[in-house]
Amino acid sequence: MRKLFILFGLISLCLGCKTAQHKTYSLSGDDFVIAFGSCNKQYEENLLWDDVVKNQPAVWVWGGDNIYSDTYDMRQMRRDYEEQRYQDGYKEVTKTMDVIGTWDDHDYGLNDGGAEFPKKAESQELFLNFMDVPKNDPRRDRAGVYHSKTYHTPAGDVKIIVLDTRYFRSALTKNLGDGGKRFMPNPKGVGTILGEKQWLWLHRELNNSTAAFNIIVSSIQVLSNKHGFETWGNFPGEVEKLFTMIKNSSAQRVILLSGDRHISEFSQINMSELSYPLVDFTSSGLTHTYEAFTSEENPYRVGDVVKEKSFGLLKLNMKNHRVIMQMIGDGNRVLNEFEQVY
């Protein structure tokens, strides 16, 4: 009898786990709502958390630089994460929506840092703790914070694929010439952003997806490639590889999200192999921005650049596949908007 009780308990536990993994998320009308943002100094007031909550998103996506902790001192980084975790506004976010995301350089621990950072394993553990990642999650036993999550809705699934553009990234090529640009592109084929294992993982994630929408989160911009700061454009071969992988995959309606730049903008590129433009929605930053911004070249930009503090909002209409992308400022003001039917 005791064995039967134990067996029944184990079956119940497993069924409970399965149910949790297949939670169905409610829609706002026909919309699945995602909010995201980046560049958040934990020691400065974030005036946008209440606006995030007002929009009732199903998920908040950290796009990187979730704290500013450029340090080799992991005790200091732990304190910085705790300062962010217990802010009243952010606590409300964690209570009312799912929270996922990636890191960028300032929460990685090294400005513009990549694979060379000696504390990356320790930094990863602190990041995963901040994100409340379970101890049995695969990210606890592998290098890098990349992962995916599929959100089930009555009208179809939304898959969010979160990349790690830090842990494996090769060295950047510094620009030693004039022009004010920090970096210049590596020779084509030299260096990697994602590393071999993450590339194989991404290939599987895209080809195994049956979701109606597939959102790829990159902490750095994918399309804008002329500004001379960090961008996928510093690794031309990696950009070509990503585009080829998206075009050849079975993933439907791919959208790119990015941050890092302290400005917000929409970029898009048209590819003959895709029936829709590939959009890169950059949202940055939450507590501080590039206030002195006047202009910079971006051959893929759509509309105007926003340099006001803001977060990104995506309203994915699961019925007719229309997407409204918005930059939201303090007071829930729409600062810029882009609409695409897929």
Protein backbone atom coordinates (compact mmCIF):
# COMPACT_ATOMS: atom_id res chain seq x y z
CA MET A 1 0.00 0.00 0.00
CA ARG A 2 2.83 2.36 0.89
CA LYS A 3 4.39 1.75 -2.54
CA LEU A 4 1.07 2.60 -4.18
CA PHE A 5 0.89 5.90 -2.32
CA ILE A 6 4.45 6.75 -3.35
CA LEU A 7 3.71 5.82 -6.96
CA PHE A 8 0.51 7.91 -6.95
CA GLY A 9 2.43 10.85 -5.50
CA LEU A 10 5.11 10.63 -8.18
CA ILE A 11 2.50 10.43 -10.94
CA SER A 12 0.68 13.44 -9.51
CA LEU A 13 3.94 15.36 -9.28
CA CYS A 14 4.81 14.58 -12.89
CA LEU A 15 1.33 15.52 -14.08
CA GLY A 16 1.61 18.76 -12.18
CA CYS A 17 4.92 19.52 -13.88
CA LYS A 18 3.45 18.77 -17.29
CA THR A 19 0.49 21.04 -16.65
CA ALA A 20 2.77 23.88 -15.57
CA GLN A 21 4.86 23.50 -18.73
CA HIS A 22 1.75 23.80 -20.91
CA LYS A 23 0.09 26.73 -19.20
CA THR A 24 -2.25 28.57 -21.55
CA TYR A 25 -1.91 32.35 -21.42
CA SER A 26 -4.96 34.56 -21.79
CA LEU A 27 -5.13 37.20 -24.49
CA SER A 28 -5.95 40.89 -24.32
CA GLY A 29 -8.69 40.75 -26.92
CA ASP A 30 -6.93 38.88 -29.73
CA ASP A 31 -3.49 40.16 -28.66
CA PHE A 32 -0.62 38.46 -26.90
CA VAL A 33 1.31 41.33 -25.29
CA ILE A 34 5.08 41.37 -24.71
CA ALA A 35 7.00 44.17 -22.97
CA PHE A 36 10.78 44.45 -23.09
CA GLY A 37 13.58 46.86 -22.33
CA SER A 38 17.26 47.30 -21.57
CA CYS A 39 19.86 49.61 -20.03
CA ASN A 40 18.63 49.85 -16.46
CA LYS A 41 20.81 51.35 -13.71
CA GLN A 42 19.73 49.81 -10.43
CA TYR A 43 20.85 52.90 -8.52
CA GLU A 44 18.65 55.26 -10.55
CA GLU A 45 14.86 55.52 -10.35
CA ASN A 46 13.00 53.70 -13.07
CA LEU A 47 9.81 55.66 -13.79
CA LEU A 48 8.51 53.14 -16.30
CA TRP A 49 7.64 50.10 -14.21
CA ASP A 50 4.11 51.32 -13.47
CA ASP A 51 3.56 51.89 -17.19
CA VAL A 52 4.79 48.38 -17.96
CA VAL A 53 2.25 46.96 -15.50
CA LYS A 54 -0.59 49.12 -16.90
CA ASN A 55 -0.26 47.45 -20.29
CA GLN A 56 -0.80 44.00 -18.72
CA PRO A 57 1.76 42.09 -20.77
CA ALA A 58 2.00 38.34 -20.39
CA VAL A 59 5.78 38.55 -20.23
CA TRP A 60 8.56 41.04 -19.50
CA VAL A 61 11.78 40.40 -21.45
CA TRP A 62 15.05 41.79 -20.12
CA GLY A 63 17.12 42.79 -23.16
CA GLY A 64 20.42 43.23 -21.31
CA ASP A 65 22.23 45.70 -19.05
CA ASN A 66 19.58 44.80 -16.49
CA ILE A 67 21.93 46.21 -13.87
CA TYR A 68 25.17 48.14 -14.20
CA SER A 69 27.89 46.16 -12.48
CA ASP A 70 31.17 46.34 -14.38
CA THR A 71 33.22 44.44 -11.84
CA TYR A 72 35.33 41.38 -11.13
CA ASP A 73 33.95 41.41 -7.58
CA MET A 74 31.08 38.93 -7.55
CA ARG A 75 30.00 40.01 -4.06
CA GLN A 76 29.45 43.50 -5.41
CA MET A 77 27.53 42.13 -8.39
CA ARG A 78 25.31 40.12 -6.05
CA ARG A 79 24.53 43.29 -4.09
CA ASP A 80 23.72 45.14 -7.32
CA TYR A 81 21.26 42.44 -8.35
CA GLU A 82 19.63 42.48 -4.94
CA GLU A 83 19.22 46.25 -5.12
CA GLN A 84 17.32 45.81 -8.39
CA ARG A 85 15.32 42.80 -7.24
CA TYR A 86 13.74 44.60 -4.27
CA GLN A 87 12.71 47.84 -5.98
CA ASP A 88 8.97 48.35 -5.46
CA GLY A 89 8.16 48.92 -9.12
CA TYR A 90 10.10 45.91 -10.31
CA LYS A 91 8.58 43.70 -7.60
CA GLU A 92 5.17 44.51 -9.08
CA VAL A 93 6.41 43.40 -12.50
CA THR A 94 7.61 40.06 -11.17
CA LYS A 95 4.28 39.50 -9.42
CA THR A 96 2.04 40.24 -12.41
CA MET A 97 3.82 38.72 -15.42
CA ASP A 98 6.38 36.14 -16.47
CA VAL A 99 9.97 37.45 -16.53
CA ILE A 100 12.67 36.11 -18.87
CA GLY A 101 15.67 37.63 -20.62
CA THR A 102 19.34 37.86 -21.41
CA TRP A 103 22.30 39.92 -20.32
CA ASP A 104 24.58 42.43 -22.05
CA ASP A 105 28.03 43.72 -21.15
CA HIS A 106 27.27 45.76 -18.00
CA ASP A 107 25.48 42.93 -16.21
CA TYR A 108 27.94 40.43 -17.71
CA GLY A 109 30.64 42.30 -15.81
CA LEU A 110 32.91 43.77 -18.49
CA ASN A 111 32.17 46.71 -20.76
CA ASP A 112 32.11 45.48 -24.38
CA GLY A 113 33.18 42.13 -22.95
CA GLY A 114 33.05 38.73 -24.59
CA ALA A 115 34.60 35.29 -24.20
CA GLU A 116 37.73 36.73 -22.59
CA PHE A 117 36.00 37.72 -19.33
CA PRO A 118 37.49 35.41 -16.64
CA LYS A 119 34.51 35.71 -14.28
CA LYS A 120 31.81 34.75 -16.81
CA ALA A 121 30.87 31.46 -15.12
CA GLU A 122 30.43 33.17 -11.74
CA SER A 123 28.55 36.02 -13.37
CA GLN A 124 26.23 33.56 -15.09
CA GLU A 125 25.28 31.99 -11.77
CA LEU A 126 24.34 35.39 -10.31
CA PHE A 127 22.31 36.26 -13.42
CA LEU A 128 20.39 32.99 -13.24
CA ASN A 129 19.72 33.55 -9.55
CA PHE A 130 18.34 37.01 -10.29
CA MET A 131 16.10 35.53 -12.99
CA ASP A 132 14.85 32.86 -10.55
CA VAL A 133 15.94 30.09 -12.91
CA PRO A 134 15.22 26.68 -11.31
CA LYS A 135 18.17 24.58 -10.15
CA ASN A 136 17.25 21.79 -12.62
CA ASP A 137 17.13 24.13 -15.63
CA PRO A 138 19.65 23.26 -18.42
CA ARG A 139 21.21 26.73 -18.07
CA ARG A 140 22.52 25.69 -14.65
CA ASP A 141 24.73 23.03 -16.24
CA ARG A 142 25.91 24.65 -19.46
CA ALA A 143 27.88 27.69 -20.51
CA GLY A 144 25.80 30.69 -21.60
CA VAL A 145 22.37 32.05 -20.66
CA TYR A 146 20.62 31.32 -23.99
CA HIS A 147 17.22 29.64 -23.75
CA SER A 148 13.73 29.63 -25.22
CA LYS A 149 10.19 29.60 -23.90
CA THR A 150 6.93 28.91 -25.72
CA TYR A 151 3.76 30.65 -24.60
CA HIS A 152 0.57 28.81 -25.42
CA THR A 153 -2.57 30.82 -26.22
CA PRO A 154 -6.02 29.70 -27.39
CA ALA A 155 -5.22 31.07 -30.85
CA GLY A 156 -1.66 29.78 -31.28
CA ASP A 157 1.79 29.76 -29.72
CA VAL A 158 4.43 32.45 -29.30
CA LYS A 159 8.04 31.30 -28.99
CA ILE A 160 10.66 33.62 -27.51
CA ILE A 161 14.24 32.62 -28.33
CA VAL A 162 16.75 34.39 -26.09
CA LEU A 163 20.35 34.60 -27.33
CA ASP A 164 23.59 35.07 -25.40
CA THR A 165 25.82 37.48 -27.34
CA ARG A 166 28.49 37.65 -24.60
CA TYR A 167 29.73 34.31 -23.30
CA PHE A 168 31.20 33.04 -26.60
CA ARG A 169 31.78 36.26 -28.52
CA SER A 170 35.18 36.63 -30.14
CA ALA A 171 37.35 39.72 -29.86
CA LEU A 172 36.20 42.90 -31.56
CA THR A 173 38.38 44.86 -33.98
CA LYS A 174 39.10 48.32 -32.60
CA ASN A 175 38.93 51.21 -35.00
CA LEU A 176 42.29 52.97 -34.94
CA GLY A 177 41.36 55.50 -37.60
CA ASP A 178 39.30 58.67 -37.58
CA GLY A 179 35.55 59.00 -37.60
CA GLY A 180 34.71 58.50 -33.94
CA LYS A 181 33.73 54.86 -34.36
CA ARG A 182 34.83 52.51 -31.58
CA PHE A 183 34.92 49.30 -33.62
CA MET A 184 35.14 48.21 -37.22
CA PRO A 185 33.90 44.97 -38.79
CA ASN A 186 36.10 41.88 -38.54
CA PRO A 187 37.13 40.31 -41.84
CA LYS A 188 34.29 38.09 -43.06
CA GLY A 189 34.49 34.67 -41.43
CA VAL A 190 36.70 35.82 -38.57
CA GLY A 191 35.21 35.40 -35.09
CA THR A 192 31.87 34.34 -33.68
CA ILE A 193 29.06 35.89 -31.68
CA LEU A 194 27.15 32.81 -30.57
CA GLY A 195 29.74 30.05 -30.56
CA GLU A 196 29.37 26.60 -32.11
CA LYS A 197 27.07 25.00 -29.51
CA GLN A 198 24.68 27.96 -29.38
CA TRP A 199 24.47 28.04 -33.18
CA LEU A 200 23.51 24.36 -33.24
CA TRP A 201 20.93 25.01 -30.52
CA LEU A 202 19.46 27.98 -32.43
CA HIS A 203 19.17 25.88 -35.58
CA ARG A 204 17.13 23.30 -33.67
CA GLU A 205 14.96 25.93 -31.99
CA LEU A 206 14.01 27.52 -35.31
CA ASN A 207 13.45 24.29 -37.19
CA ASN A 208 11.47 22.63 -34.42
CA SER A 209 9.18 25.60 -33.89
CA THR A 210 5.47 25.31 -34.64
CA ALA A 211 4.68 28.72 -33.10
CA ALA A 212 2.67 31.37 -34.91
CA PHE A 213 5.31 33.96 -33.95
CA ASN A 214 9.01 33.49 -33.20
CA ILE A 215 10.69 36.32 -31.30
CA ILE A 216 14.51 36.34 -31.26
CA VAL A 217 16.06 38.43 -28.48
CA SER A 218 19.60 39.76 -29.04
CA SER A 219 21.15 42.17 -26.56
CA ILE A 220 22.94 44.00 -29.40
CA GLN A 221 21.44 45.28 -32.65
CA VAL A 222 21.26 42.89 -35.57
CA LEU A 223 20.43 45.20 -38.49
CA SER A 224 21.88 48.64 -37.71
CA ASN A 225 25.57 48.23 -38.59
CA LYS A 226 27.12 51.63 -39.37
CA HIS A 227 27.38 53.34 -35.97
CA GLY A 228 30.72 51.86 -34.92
CA PHE A 229 29.61 50.49 -31.56
CA GLU A 230 28.70 46.90 -30.78
CA THR A 231 26.48 45.28 -33.42
CA TRP A 232 26.14 42.01 -35.26
CA GLY A 233 27.54 43.99 -38.18
CA ASN A 234 31.01 43.71 -36.62
CA PHE A 235 30.84 40.02 -37.61
CA PRO A 236 29.55 40.00 -41.20
CA GLY A 237 29.78 36.23 -41.47
CA GLU A 238 27.59 35.78 -38.41
CA VAL A 239 24.93 38.11 -39.84
CA GLU A 240 24.85 36.12 -43.08
CA LYS A 241 24.64 32.88 -41.11
CA LEU A 242 21.70 34.16 -39.04
CA PHE A 243 19.80 35.38 -42.09
CA THR A 244 20.35 32.08 -43.90
CA MET A 245 19.22 30.12 -40.87
CA ILE A 246 16.02 32.15 -40.54
CA LYS A 247 15.23 31.91 -44.26
CA ASN A 248 15.84 28.16 -44.42
CA SER A 249 14.01 27.29 -41.21
CA SER A 250 10.40 26.34 -40.65
CA ALA A 251 9.94 29.17 -38.13
CA GLN A 252 7.08 31.51 -38.98
CA ARG A 253 6.90 35.29 -38.50
CA VAL A 254 10.33 35.96 -37.01
CA ILE A 255 10.80 39.28 -35.20
CA LEU A 256 14.08 40.56 -33.71
CA LEU A 257 14.31 42.45 -30.39
CA SER A 258 17.47 44.27 -29.30
CA GLY A 259 18.80 46.90 -26.90
CA ASP A 260 22.19 48.28 -25.80
CA ARG A 261 22.23 51.57 -27.70
CA HIS A 262 20.48 54.03 -25.31
CA ILE A 263 18.19 54.96 -28.20
CA SER A 264 15.11 53.23 -29.59
CA GLU A 265 14.44 52.61 -33.26
CA PHE A 266 12.83 50.29 -35.79
CA SER A 267 14.93 48.72 -38.52
CA GLN A 268 13.84 46.34 -41.27
CA ILE A 269 15.27 44.41 -44.18
CA ASN A 270 13.42 42.77 -47.06
CA MET A 271 14.52 39.34 -48.23
CA SER A 272 13.10 37.67 -51.31
CA GLU A 273 12.97 34.34 -49.50
CA LEU A 274 10.70 35.73 -46.76
CA SER A 275 7.12 36.83 -47.34
CA TYR A 276 7.49 39.60 -44.75
CA PRO A 277 10.17 42.17 -43.80
CA LEU A 278 12.50 41.15 -40.98
CA VAL A 279 12.14 43.80 -38.27
CA ASP A 280 14.68 44.61 -35.55
CA PHE A 281 12.94 46.54 -32.76
CA THR A 282 15.54 48.25 -30.55
CA SER A 283 14.38 49.50 -27.14
CA SER A 284 16.89 51.32 -24.92
CA GLY A 285 17.10 52.61 -22.29
CA LEU A 286 14.98 52.35 -19.21
CA THR A 287 16.78 54.69 -16.78
CA HIS A 288 19.09 56.67 -19.07
CA THR A 289 19.46 57.46 -22.75
CA TYR A 290 21.80 59.00 -25.31
CA GLU A 291 20.37 62.49 -24.76
CA ALA A 292 22.95 64.15 -27.01
CA PHE A 293 21.94 62.00 -29.99
CA THR A 294 21.42 63.96 -33.19
CA SER A 295 21.89 61.47 -36.00
CA GLU A 296 23.75 58.39 -37.18
CA GLU A 297 23.67 56.25 -40.29
CA ASN A 298 21.34 53.26 -40.31
CA PRO A 299 20.42 52.05 -43.81
CA TYR A 300 17.59 49.91 -42.41
CA ARG A 301 15.87 52.47 -40.17
CA VAL A 302 12.12 52.98 -40.40
CA GLY A 303 10.74 56.20 -38.92
CA ASP A 304 12.42 58.37 -36.29
CA VAL A 305 14.85 57.57 -33.50
CA VAL A 306 13.53 58.02 -29.94
CA LYS A 307 16.07 59.17 -27.36
CA GLU A 308 13.59 59.48 -24.49
CA LYS A 309 13.50 56.83 -21.75
CA SER A 310 11.16 54.09 -22.90
CA PHE A 311 10.36 50.40 -23.09
CA GLY A 312 9.13 48.33 -26.02
CA LEU A 313 5.66 46.86 -26.36
CA LEU A 314 4.55 44.25 -28.87
CA LYS A 315 0.89 43.44 -29.43
CA LEU A 316 0.75 40.21 -31.41
CA ASN A 317 -2.70 39.72 -32.87
CA MET A 318 -3.04 35.95 -32.89
CA LYS A 319 -6.12 36.01 -35.11
CA ASN A 320 -5.04 38.05 -38.14
CA HIS A 321 -1.25 38.09 -37.48
CA ARG A 322 -1.03 41.86 -37.27
CA VAL A 323 1.69 43.18 -34.94
CA ILE A 324 1.73 46.63 -33.38
CA MET A 325 5.13 47.63 -31.98
CA GLN A 326 5.29 50.65 -29.69
CA MET A 327 7.89 52.64 -27.78
CA ILE A 328 6.26 53.64 -24.49
CA GLY A 329 7.49 56.54 -22.37
CA ASP A 330 6.65 57.75 -18.88
CA GLY A 331 2.94 58.35 -18.39
CA ASN A 332 2.21 55.51 -20.83
CA ARG A 333 2.77 57.83 -23.80
CA VAL A 334 3.30 56.24 -27.21
CA LEU A 335 6.51 57.80 -28.51
CA ASN A 336 6.72 55.88 -31.75
CA GLU A 337 4.79 53.06 -33.40
CA PHE A 338 5.23 50.55 -36.19
CA GLU A 339 2.65 48.14 -37.57
CA GLN A 340 3.22 45.04 -39.67
CA VAL A 341 0.82 42.38 -40.99
CA TYR A 342 2.46 38.98 -41.40
